[in-house]
């Protein structure tokens, strides 16, 4: 059975070992998502970044990502992301996560509820030259809406 010693991403100019790509994502999670250091996006995300599954109203590009993350942090000022599992191969990093926070401002059309949520999800990021090039995030938005009290919890009767 063949096993590569180091998986690498090859483009015409850069070779990025998988471990380096994972470190970029870990830095993004800790410094941008958890600490709110949005200035770090310039070093971690390509200017023409593409969100493959954008949130409603989210613009493309690094600035679109910056804006949606600012909205998320404004709505959940105590937001904290935890990596439950991370797998990297070639130019992609897949992260299973849980984020928690208390809704103190409007988000996705929902006014502040003061409720605490724990939201699970998975994201697949593709990197190019040590920066995030595109991303596909799928999170349990229904579960979040149930925790916020906007949607009845499963099994609840609508009568």
N, C-alpha and C. Protein backbone atom coordinates (compact mmCIF):
# COMPACT_ATOMS: atom_id res chain seq x y z
N UNK A 1 0.85 -1.18 0.00
CA UNK A 1 0.00 0.00 0.00
C UNK A 1 0.89 1.23 0.00
N UNK A 2 0.61 2.18 -0.90
CA UNK A 2 1.39 3.39 -1.02
C UNK A 2 0.83 4.46 -0.10
N UNK A 3 1.69 5.12 0.64
CA UNK A 3 1.28 6.22 1.50
C UNK A 3 2.21 7.40 1.28
N UNK A 4 1.66 8.54 0.92
CA UNK A 4 2.54 9.69 0.72
C UNK A 4 3.08 10.19 2.05
N UNK A 5 4.32 10.64 2.05
CA UNK A 5 4.89 11.17 3.29
C UNK A 5 4.42 12.59 3.54
N UNK A 6 4.25 13.38 2.48
CA UNK A 6 3.75 14.75 2.61
C UNK A 6 2.84 15.02 1.43
N UNK A 7 1.61 15.40 1.72
CA UNK A 7 0.69 15.79 0.65
C UNK A 7 0.95 17.25 0.34
N UNK A 8 1.02 17.60 -0.93
CA UNK A 8 1.33 18.97 -1.32
C UNK A 8 0.30 19.48 -2.31
N UNK A 9 0.12 20.78 -2.31
CA UNK A 9 -0.69 21.46 -3.30
C UNK A 9 0.28 22.06 -4.31
N UNK A 10 0.03 21.85 -5.58
CA UNK A 10 0.89 22.39 -6.62
C UNK A 10 0.09 23.35 -7.48
N UNK A 11 0.56 24.57 -7.58
CA UNK A 11 0.10 25.44 -8.64
C UNK A 11 1.37 25.85 -9.38
N UNK A 12 1.28 26.76 -10.27
CA UNK A 12 2.45 27.10 -11.08
C UNK A 12 3.54 27.80 -10.28
N UNK A 13 3.20 28.34 -9.12
CA UNK A 13 4.18 29.12 -8.38
C UNK A 13 4.45 28.60 -6.98
N UNK A 14 3.53 27.92 -6.37
CA UNK A 14 3.65 27.59 -4.95
C UNK A 14 3.46 26.11 -4.68
N UNK A 15 4.17 25.63 -3.70
CA UNK A 15 3.96 24.28 -3.19
C UNK A 15 3.66 24.44 -1.71
N UNK A 16 2.45 24.08 -1.32
CA UNK A 16 2.04 24.24 0.07
C UNK A 16 1.75 22.88 0.68
N UNK A 17 2.58 22.44 1.62
CA UNK A 17 2.26 21.19 2.31
C UNK A 17 0.91 21.28 3.02
N UNK A 18 0.25 20.16 3.12
CA UNK A 18 -1.06 20.12 3.76
C UNK A 18 -1.02 20.68 5.17
N UNK A 19 0.04 20.39 5.91
CA UNK A 19 0.16 20.90 7.28
C UNK A 19 0.14 22.43 7.29
N UNK A 20 0.78 23.07 6.31
CA UNK A 20 0.76 24.53 6.23
C UNK A 20 -0.64 25.04 5.94
N UNK A 21 -1.36 24.38 5.05
CA UNK A 21 -2.74 24.78 4.76
C UNK A 21 -3.61 24.66 6.00
N UNK A 22 -3.44 23.59 6.75
CA UNK A 22 -4.21 23.42 7.98
C UNK A 22 -3.87 24.52 8.98
N UNK A 23 -2.61 24.93 9.04
CA UNK A 23 -2.23 26.01 9.94
C UNK A 23 -2.86 27.33 9.55
N UNK A 24 -3.01 27.59 8.25
CA UNK A 24 -3.70 28.80 7.79
C UNK A 24 -5.14 28.79 8.31
N UNK A 25 -5.81 27.66 8.19
CA UNK A 25 -7.21 27.57 8.64
C UNK A 25 -7.28 27.69 10.17
N UNK A 26 -6.37 27.06 10.88
CA UNK A 26 -6.35 27.19 12.35
C UNK A 26 -6.14 28.64 12.76
N UNK A 27 -5.25 29.35 12.06
CA UNK A 27 -5.01 30.76 12.36
C UNK A 27 -6.27 31.58 12.07
N UNK A 28 -6.93 31.29 10.94
CA UNK A 28 -8.17 31.98 10.59
C UNK A 28 -9.21 31.79 11.69
N UNK A 29 -9.37 30.56 12.15
CA UNK A 29 -10.38 30.27 13.18
C UNK A 29 -10.04 31.01 14.48
N UNK A 30 -8.81 30.89 14.92
CA UNK A 30 -8.45 31.48 16.21
C UNK A 30 -8.41 33.01 16.16
N UNK A 31 -7.71 33.56 15.19
CA UNK A 31 -7.49 35.01 15.19
C UNK A 31 -8.66 35.80 14.58
N UNK A 32 -9.24 35.31 13.50
CA UNK A 32 -10.33 36.06 12.85
C UNK A 32 -11.66 35.74 13.52
N UNK A 33 -12.03 34.44 13.55
CA UNK A 33 -13.35 34.08 14.08
C UNK A 33 -13.45 34.28 15.59
N UNK A 34 -12.47 33.79 16.34
CA UNK A 34 -12.57 33.84 17.80
C UNK A 34 -12.14 35.17 18.40
N UNK A 35 -11.13 35.82 17.80
CA UNK A 35 -10.63 37.08 18.37
C UNK A 35 -11.16 38.31 17.66
N UNK A 36 -11.81 38.13 16.49
CA UNK A 36 -12.36 39.27 15.76
C UNK A 36 -11.30 40.15 15.12
N UNK A 37 -10.15 39.60 14.82
CA UNK A 37 -9.06 40.37 14.20
C UNK A 37 -9.24 40.35 12.67
N UNK A 38 -10.18 41.13 12.19
CA UNK A 38 -10.55 41.11 10.78
C UNK A 38 -9.44 41.61 9.86
N UNK A 39 -8.49 42.37 10.39
CA UNK A 39 -7.36 42.83 9.58
C UNK A 39 -6.50 41.66 9.10
N UNK A 40 -6.56 40.54 9.80
CA UNK A 40 -5.80 39.34 9.42
C UNK A 40 -6.33 38.70 8.13
N UNK A 41 -7.55 39.05 7.73
CA UNK A 41 -8.10 38.51 6.49
C UNK A 41 -7.22 38.84 5.29
N UNK A 42 -6.58 40.01 5.31
CA UNK A 42 -5.73 40.40 4.19
C UNK A 42 -4.57 39.44 3.99
N UNK A 43 -4.08 38.84 5.07
CA UNK A 43 -2.96 37.90 5.00
C UNK A 43 -3.41 36.45 4.77
N UNK A 44 -4.67 36.15 5.09
CA UNK A 44 -5.14 34.76 5.09
C UNK A 44 -6.09 34.42 3.95
N UNK A 45 -6.68 35.42 3.30
CA UNK A 45 -7.73 35.20 2.31
C UNK A 45 -7.41 35.97 1.03
N UNK A 46 -7.54 35.30 -0.11
CA UNK A 46 -7.34 35.98 -1.39
C UNK A 46 -8.39 37.06 -1.60
N UNK A 47 -8.02 38.12 -2.29
CA UNK A 47 -8.95 39.23 -2.54
C UNK A 47 -10.18 38.77 -3.31
N UNK A 48 -10.00 37.81 -4.26
CA UNK A 48 -11.13 37.32 -5.06
C UNK A 48 -11.72 36.02 -4.51
N UNK A 49 -11.65 35.86 -3.20
CA UNK A 49 -12.22 34.72 -2.49
C UNK A 49 -13.66 34.46 -2.94
N UNK A 50 -14.03 33.18 -3.05
CA UNK A 50 -15.39 32.80 -3.45
C UNK A 50 -16.02 31.96 -2.36
N UNK A 51 -17.19 32.39 -1.89
CA UNK A 51 -17.99 31.59 -0.96
C UNK A 51 -18.96 30.79 -1.83
N UNK A 52 -18.78 29.48 -1.86
CA UNK A 52 -19.57 28.63 -2.74
C UNK A 52 -21.00 28.43 -2.24
N UNK A 53 -21.22 28.57 -0.94
CA UNK A 53 -22.56 28.50 -0.35
C UNK A 53 -22.76 29.74 0.53
N UNK A 54 -22.92 30.93 -0.08
CA UNK A 54 -22.99 32.16 0.72
C UNK A 54 -24.26 32.25 1.56
N UNK A 55 -24.14 32.97 2.67
CA UNK A 55 -25.32 33.30 3.46
C UNK A 55 -26.17 34.29 2.67
N UNK A 56 -27.46 34.37 2.95
CA UNK A 56 -28.31 35.33 2.23
C UNK A 56 -27.73 36.74 2.30
N UNK A 57 -27.56 37.35 1.13
CA UNK A 57 -27.05 38.72 1.06
C UNK A 57 -25.54 38.84 1.11
N UNK A 58 -24.82 37.72 1.27
CA UNK A 58 -23.36 37.78 1.36
C UNK A 58 -22.75 38.07 -0.01
N UNK A 59 -21.90 39.09 -0.07
CA UNK A 59 -21.17 39.41 -1.30
C UNK A 59 -19.95 38.51 -1.41
N UNK A 60 -19.46 38.36 -2.62
CA UNK A 60 -18.26 37.57 -2.85
C UNK A 60 -17.02 38.40 -2.56
N UNK A 61 -15.88 37.74 -2.57
CA UNK A 61 -14.60 38.40 -2.34
C UNK A 61 -14.26 38.46 -0.86
N UNK A 62 -13.01 38.85 -0.61
CA UNK A 62 -12.54 38.97 0.78
C UNK A 62 -13.39 39.97 1.55
N UNK A 63 -13.80 41.07 0.89
CA UNK A 63 -14.60 42.07 1.59
C UNK A 63 -16.00 41.55 1.93
N UNK A 64 -16.56 40.71 1.07
CA UNK A 64 -17.85 40.09 1.38
C UNK A 64 -17.74 39.18 2.59
N UNK A 65 -16.64 38.43 2.66
CA UNK A 65 -16.40 37.57 3.83
C UNK A 65 -16.22 38.41 5.08
N UNK A 66 -15.44 39.48 4.98
CA UNK A 66 -15.21 40.36 6.12
C UNK A 66 -16.54 40.91 6.66
N UNK A 67 -17.42 41.34 5.74
CA UNK A 67 -18.69 41.92 6.15
C UNK A 67 -19.59 40.90 6.85
N UNK A 68 -19.70 39.69 6.29
CA UNK A 68 -20.57 38.69 6.91
C UNK A 68 -20.02 38.26 8.27
N UNK A 69 -18.71 38.21 8.41
CA UNK A 69 -18.12 37.85 9.70
C UNK A 69 -18.33 38.96 10.73
N UNK A 70 -18.28 40.21 10.29
CA UNK A 70 -18.58 41.32 11.20
C UNK A 70 -20.04 41.25 11.67
N UNK A 71 -20.95 40.92 10.74
CA UNK A 71 -22.36 40.79 11.11
C UNK A 71 -22.56 39.66 12.12
N UNK A 72 -21.88 38.55 11.88
CA UNK A 72 -21.99 37.40 12.78
C UNK A 72 -21.47 37.76 14.17
N UNK A 73 -20.33 38.43 14.23
CA UNK A 73 -19.75 38.81 15.52
C UNK A 73 -20.60 39.87 16.21
N UNK A 74 -21.23 40.78 15.44
CA UNK A 74 -22.11 41.79 16.05
C UNK A 74 -23.35 41.11 16.65
N UNK A 75 -23.85 40.09 15.97
CA UNK A 75 -25.03 39.37 16.47
C UNK A 75 -24.69 38.47 17.65
N UNK A 76 -23.49 37.87 17.61
CA UNK A 76 -23.05 36.94 18.65
C UNK A 76 -21.67 37.41 19.16
N UNK A 77 -21.63 38.46 19.99
CA UNK A 77 -20.34 39.04 20.38
C UNK A 77 -19.43 38.10 21.17
N UNK A 78 -20.00 37.08 21.79
CA UNK A 78 -19.20 36.11 22.55
C UNK A 78 -18.94 34.83 21.74
N UNK A 79 -19.06 34.93 20.42
CA UNK A 79 -18.92 33.75 19.56
C UNK A 79 -17.56 33.08 19.79
N UNK A 80 -17.59 31.76 19.78
CA UNK A 80 -16.35 30.99 19.93
C UNK A 80 -16.47 29.72 19.10
N UNK A 81 -15.47 29.51 18.24
CA UNK A 81 -15.43 28.36 17.35
C UNK A 81 -14.46 27.33 17.91
N UNK A 82 -14.87 26.06 17.86
CA UNK A 82 -14.02 24.95 18.29
C UNK A 82 -13.92 23.97 17.12
N UNK A 83 -12.70 23.55 16.84
CA UNK A 83 -12.47 22.54 15.81
C UNK A 83 -12.71 21.18 16.43
N UNK A 84 -13.70 20.47 15.91
CA UNK A 84 -13.99 19.12 16.38
C UNK A 84 -13.14 18.09 15.64
N UNK A 85 -12.82 18.41 14.38
CA UNK A 85 -12.04 17.49 13.55
C UNK A 85 -11.54 18.28 12.34
N UNK A 86 -10.31 18.00 11.90
CA UNK A 86 -9.76 18.68 10.73
C UNK A 86 -8.98 17.67 9.90
N UNK A 87 -9.29 17.66 8.61
CA UNK A 87 -8.62 16.75 7.67
C UNK A 87 -8.15 17.58 6.49
N UNK A 88 -6.92 17.36 6.08
CA UNK A 88 -6.39 18.09 4.94
C UNK A 88 -5.86 17.13 3.89
N UNK A 89 -6.05 17.49 2.65
CA UNK A 89 -5.48 16.73 1.55
C UNK A 89 -5.26 17.68 0.39
N UNK A 90 -4.05 17.66 -0.14
CA UNK A 90 -3.68 18.52 -1.26
C UNK A 90 -4.00 19.96 -0.92
N UNK A 91 -4.85 20.63 -1.72
CA UNK A 91 -5.13 22.05 -1.49
C UNK A 91 -6.40 22.30 -0.69
N UNK A 92 -6.99 21.24 -0.12
CA UNK A 92 -8.25 21.40 0.63
C UNK A 92 -8.09 21.01 2.08
N UNK A 93 -8.83 21.74 2.92
CA UNK A 93 -8.90 21.45 4.36
C UNK A 93 -10.37 21.37 4.72
N UNK A 94 -10.76 20.27 5.33
CA UNK A 94 -12.13 20.05 5.77
C UNK A 94 -12.15 20.13 7.30
N UNK A 95 -13.01 20.98 7.82
CA UNK A 95 -13.09 21.19 9.26
C UNK A 95 -14.51 20.96 9.75
N UNK A 96 -14.65 20.06 10.71
CA UNK A 96 -15.93 19.89 11.41
C UNK A 96 -15.83 20.73 12.66
N UNK A 97 -16.83 21.58 12.89
CA UNK A 97 -16.72 22.57 13.97
C UNK A 97 -18.01 22.65 14.77
N UNK A 98 -17.90 23.32 15.91
CA UNK A 98 -19.04 23.76 16.70
C UNK A 98 -18.75 25.20 17.10
N UNK A 99 -19.70 26.09 16.84
CA UNK A 99 -19.53 27.44 17.37
C UNK A 99 -20.67 27.72 18.35
N UNK A 100 -20.34 28.49 19.37
CA UNK A 100 -21.31 28.85 20.40
C UNK A 100 -21.34 30.37 20.53
N UNK A 101 -22.46 30.87 20.99
CA UNK A 101 -22.58 32.30 21.22
C UNK A 101 -23.97 32.66 21.70
N UNK A 102 -24.07 33.87 22.21
CA UNK A 102 -25.34 34.40 22.70
C UNK A 102 -25.78 35.51 21.76
N UNK A 103 -27.01 35.39 21.23
CA UNK A 103 -27.48 36.35 20.24
C UNK A 103 -27.86 37.67 20.92
N UNK A 104 -27.06 38.70 20.65
CA UNK A 104 -27.28 40.04 21.22
C UNK A 104 -27.68 41.06 20.17
N UNK A 105 -27.67 40.64 18.88
CA UNK A 105 -28.04 41.55 17.80
C UNK A 105 -28.73 40.76 16.70
N UNK A 106 -29.28 41.46 15.70
CA UNK A 106 -30.00 40.78 14.62
C UNK A 106 -29.06 39.93 13.77
N UNK A 107 -29.58 38.79 13.30
CA UNK A 107 -28.83 37.91 12.41
C UNK A 107 -29.80 37.14 11.54
N UNK A 108 -29.57 37.14 10.23
CA UNK A 108 -30.41 36.46 9.25
C UNK A 108 -31.88 36.83 9.43
N UNK A 109 -32.14 38.10 9.71
CA UNK A 109 -33.50 38.59 9.86
C UNK A 109 -34.13 38.32 11.21
N UNK A 110 -33.38 37.72 12.12
CA UNK A 110 -33.91 37.40 13.45
C UNK A 110 -33.41 38.46 14.43
N UNK A 111 -34.33 39.20 15.08
CA UNK A 111 -33.89 40.18 16.07
C UNK A 111 -33.23 39.48 17.27
N UNK A 112 -32.48 40.22 18.02
CA UNK A 112 -31.77 39.66 19.18
C UNK A 112 -32.73 38.93 20.11
N UNK A 113 -32.35 37.73 20.51
CA UNK A 113 -33.18 36.92 21.40
C UNK A 113 -32.57 36.77 22.79
N UNK A 114 -31.29 37.03 22.93
CA UNK A 114 -30.61 36.82 24.20
C UNK A 114 -30.34 35.35 24.49
N UNK A 115 -30.65 34.48 23.53
CA UNK A 115 -30.46 33.04 23.73
C UNK A 115 -29.06 32.58 23.31
N UNK A 116 -28.60 31.58 24.01
CA UNK A 116 -27.31 30.96 23.71
C UNK A 116 -27.53 29.80 22.74
N UNK A 117 -26.65 29.68 21.75
CA UNK A 117 -26.75 28.61 20.77
C UNK A 117 -25.43 27.85 20.68
N UNK A 118 -25.54 26.61 20.25
CA UNK A 118 -24.39 25.79 19.88
C UNK A 118 -24.70 25.24 18.49
N UNK A 119 -23.89 25.63 17.51
CA UNK A 119 -24.18 25.32 16.11
C UNK A 119 -23.05 24.46 15.54
N UNK A 120 -23.44 23.31 15.02
CA UNK A 120 -22.47 22.40 14.42
C UNK A 120 -22.44 22.61 12.91
N UNK A 121 -21.31 22.27 12.31
CA UNK A 121 -21.21 22.39 10.87
C UNK A 121 -19.92 21.81 10.35
N UNK A 122 -19.76 21.95 9.05
CA UNK A 122 -18.57 21.49 8.37
C UNK A 122 -18.25 22.49 7.27
N UNK A 123 -16.96 22.71 7.05
CA UNK A 123 -16.54 23.64 6.00
C UNK A 123 -15.38 23.01 5.24
N UNK A 124 -15.41 23.19 3.94
CA UNK A 124 -14.31 22.73 3.08
C UNK A 124 -13.70 23.98 2.47
N UNK A 125 -12.44 24.24 2.83
CA UNK A 125 -11.71 25.40 2.31
C UNK A 125 -10.68 24.92 1.30
N UNK A 126 -10.55 25.66 0.20
CA UNK A 126 -9.48 25.41 -0.76
C UNK A 126 -8.51 26.57 -0.68
N UNK A 127 -7.23 26.25 -0.61
CA UNK A 127 -6.20 27.27 -0.49
C UNK A 127 -5.36 27.34 -1.75
N UNK A 128 -4.83 28.51 -1.99
CA UNK A 128 -3.94 28.73 -3.13
C UNK A 128 -2.83 29.65 -2.65
N UNK A 129 -1.60 29.17 -2.69
CA UNK A 129 -0.47 29.99 -2.28
C UNK A 129 -0.52 30.42 -0.83
N UNK A 130 -1.08 29.59 0.05
CA UNK A 130 -1.13 29.91 1.47
C UNK A 130 -2.27 30.80 1.90
N UNK A 131 -3.23 31.03 0.98
CA UNK A 131 -4.40 31.84 1.33
C UNK A 131 -5.68 31.11 0.93
N UNK A 132 -6.74 31.40 1.65
CA UNK A 132 -8.04 30.80 1.34
C UNK A 132 -8.54 31.34 0.01
N UNK A 133 -8.86 30.43 -0.91
CA UNK A 133 -9.32 30.80 -2.25
C UNK A 133 -10.83 30.66 -2.38
N UNK A 134 -11.37 29.58 -1.84
CA UNK A 134 -12.82 29.41 -1.81
C UNK A 134 -13.21 28.52 -0.66
N UNK A 135 -14.50 28.56 -0.35
CA UNK A 135 -14.99 27.89 0.83
C UNK A 135 -16.42 27.43 0.60
N UNK A 136 -16.76 26.33 1.22
CA UNK A 136 -18.12 25.81 1.20
C UNK A 136 -18.46 25.43 2.64
N UNK A 137 -19.35 26.22 3.25
CA UNK A 137 -19.71 25.96 4.65
C UNK A 137 -21.15 25.50 4.71
N UNK A 138 -21.35 24.44 5.44
CA UNK A 138 -22.69 23.91 5.70
C UNK A 138 -22.83 23.81 7.21
N UNK A 139 -23.78 24.56 7.75
CA UNK A 139 -23.99 24.48 9.19
C UNK A 139 -25.46 24.26 9.49
N UNK A 140 -25.72 23.83 10.69
CA UNK A 140 -27.07 23.48 11.11
C UNK A 140 -27.87 24.75 11.42
N UNK A 141 -28.28 25.43 10.36
CA UNK A 141 -29.04 26.67 10.52
C UNK A 141 -30.42 26.39 11.12
N UNK A 142 -31.04 25.28 10.75
CA UNK A 142 -32.34 24.92 11.34
C UNK A 142 -32.20 24.74 12.84
N UNK A 143 -31.18 24.00 13.26
CA UNK A 143 -30.95 23.81 14.69
C UNK A 143 -30.71 25.13 15.40
N UNK A 144 -29.97 26.04 14.74
CA UNK A 144 -29.73 27.36 15.34
C UNK A 144 -31.05 28.11 15.49
N UNK A 145 -31.89 28.08 14.45
CA UNK A 145 -33.18 28.77 14.52
C UNK A 145 -34.08 28.17 15.60
N UNK A 146 -34.00 26.85 15.78
CA UNK A 146 -34.76 26.21 16.86
C UNK A 146 -34.25 26.68 18.23
N UNK A 147 -32.94 26.75 18.38
CA UNK A 147 -32.37 27.20 19.64
C UNK A 147 -32.70 28.66 19.93
N UNK A 148 -32.84 29.46 18.86
CA UNK A 148 -33.21 30.87 19.04
C UNK A 148 -34.70 31.03 19.29
N UNK A 149 -35.48 29.95 19.14
CA UNK A 149 -36.92 30.00 19.39
C UNK A 149 -37.72 30.52 18.21
N UNK A 150 -37.09 30.62 17.04
CA UNK A 150 -37.76 31.13 15.84
C UNK A 150 -38.55 30.03 15.15
N UNK A 151 -38.03 28.80 15.21
CA UNK A 151 -38.65 27.63 14.60
C UNK A 151 -38.92 26.63 15.72
N UNK A 152 -40.12 26.01 15.72
CA UNK A 152 -40.41 25.02 16.76
C UNK A 152 -39.40 23.88 16.72
N UNK A 153 -39.03 23.39 17.88
CA UNK A 153 -38.10 22.25 17.97
C UNK A 153 -38.77 21.04 17.33
N UNK A 154 -37.97 20.14 16.79
CA UNK A 154 -38.50 18.95 16.14
C UNK A 154 -39.35 18.17 17.13
N UNK A 155 -40.45 17.65 16.63
CA UNK A 155 -41.36 16.90 17.49
C UNK A 155 -42.42 17.79 18.14
N UNK A 156 -42.24 19.12 18.06
CA UNK A 156 -43.21 20.03 18.65
C UNK A 156 -44.41 20.13 17.71
N UNK A 157 -45.56 20.13 18.29
CA UNK A 157 -46.79 20.22 17.51
C UNK A 157 -47.09 21.67 17.16
N UNK A 158 -47.55 21.87 15.96
CA UNK A 158 -47.92 23.21 15.51
C UNK A 158 -49.34 23.56 15.88
N UNK A 159 -50.01 22.75 16.70
CA UNK A 159 -51.42 23.00 17.04
C UNK A 159 -51.57 23.77 18.31
